[in-house]
Amino acid sequence: MKDSVIPVSLLALGLVFVITGIALGDMELVFKKAIFICLECIGIG
């Protein structure tokens, strides 16, 4: 039981951070940056 507390709590903390980021509108910014980086990698952007 004690071994599963740390992974479960880290998973819950990660989920809280993801939900907070989505609520603050950072998801659109991250997608824009990801698209820009991918286009640069293949030489289009």
Protein backbone atom coordinates (compact mmCIF):
# COMPACT_ATOMS: atom_id res chain seq x y z
CA MET A 1 0.00 0.00 0.00
CA LYS A 2 2.81 2.41 0.89
CA ASP A 3 4.55 1.83 -2.46
CA SER A 4 1.58 3.08 -4.47
CA VAL A 5 1.12 6.38 -2.61
CA ILE A 6 3.93 8.27 -4.38
CA PRO A 7 3.03 7.36 -7.98
CA VAL A 8 -0.66 8.03 -7.40
CA SER A 9 0.04 11.39 -5.77
CA LEU A 10 2.39 12.39 -8.61
CA LEU A 11 -0.24 11.40 -11.15
CA ALA A 12 -2.85 13.47 -9.32
CA LEU A 13 -0.49 16.45 -9.15
CA GLY A 14 0.20 16.18 -12.88
CA LEU A 15 -3.51 16.07 -13.59
CA VAL A 16 -4.04 19.19 -11.48
CA PHE A 17 -1.32 21.01 -13.47
CA VAL A 18 -2.86 19.94 -16.80
CA ILE A 19 -6.33 21.10 -15.76
CA THR A 20 -4.91 24.40 -14.47
CA GLY A 21 -3.09 25.00 -17.74
CA ILE A 22 -6.20 24.31 -19.79
CA ALA A 23 -8.28 26.58 -17.54
CA LEU A 24 -5.78 29.43 -17.97
CA GLY A 25 -5.81 29.08 -21.76
CA ASP A 26 -2.23 27.89 -22.15
CA MET A 27 -3.21 24.95 -24.33
CA GLU A 28 -3.56 27.13 -27.44
CA LEU A 29 -0.14 28.71 -26.85
CA VAL A 30 1.51 25.32 -26.46
CA PHE A 31 -0.07 24.03 -29.69
CA LYS A 32 1.06 27.12 -31.60
CA LYS A 33 4.63 26.70 -30.37
CA ALA A 34 4.59 22.99 -31.18
CA ILE A 35 3.41 23.62 -34.73
CA PHE A 36 6.04 26.32 -35.23
CA ILE A 37 8.83 24.07 -33.95
CA CYS A 38 7.71 21.16 -36.14
CA LEU A 39 7.61 23.37 -39.23
CA GLU A 40 11.12 24.62 -38.45
CA CYS A 41 12.41 21.07 -38.05
CA ILE A 42 11.33 20.04 -41.54
CA GLY A 43 12.50 23.30 -43.09
CA ILE A 44 9.18 24.94 -43.98
CA GLY A 45 8.94 27.59 -41.25
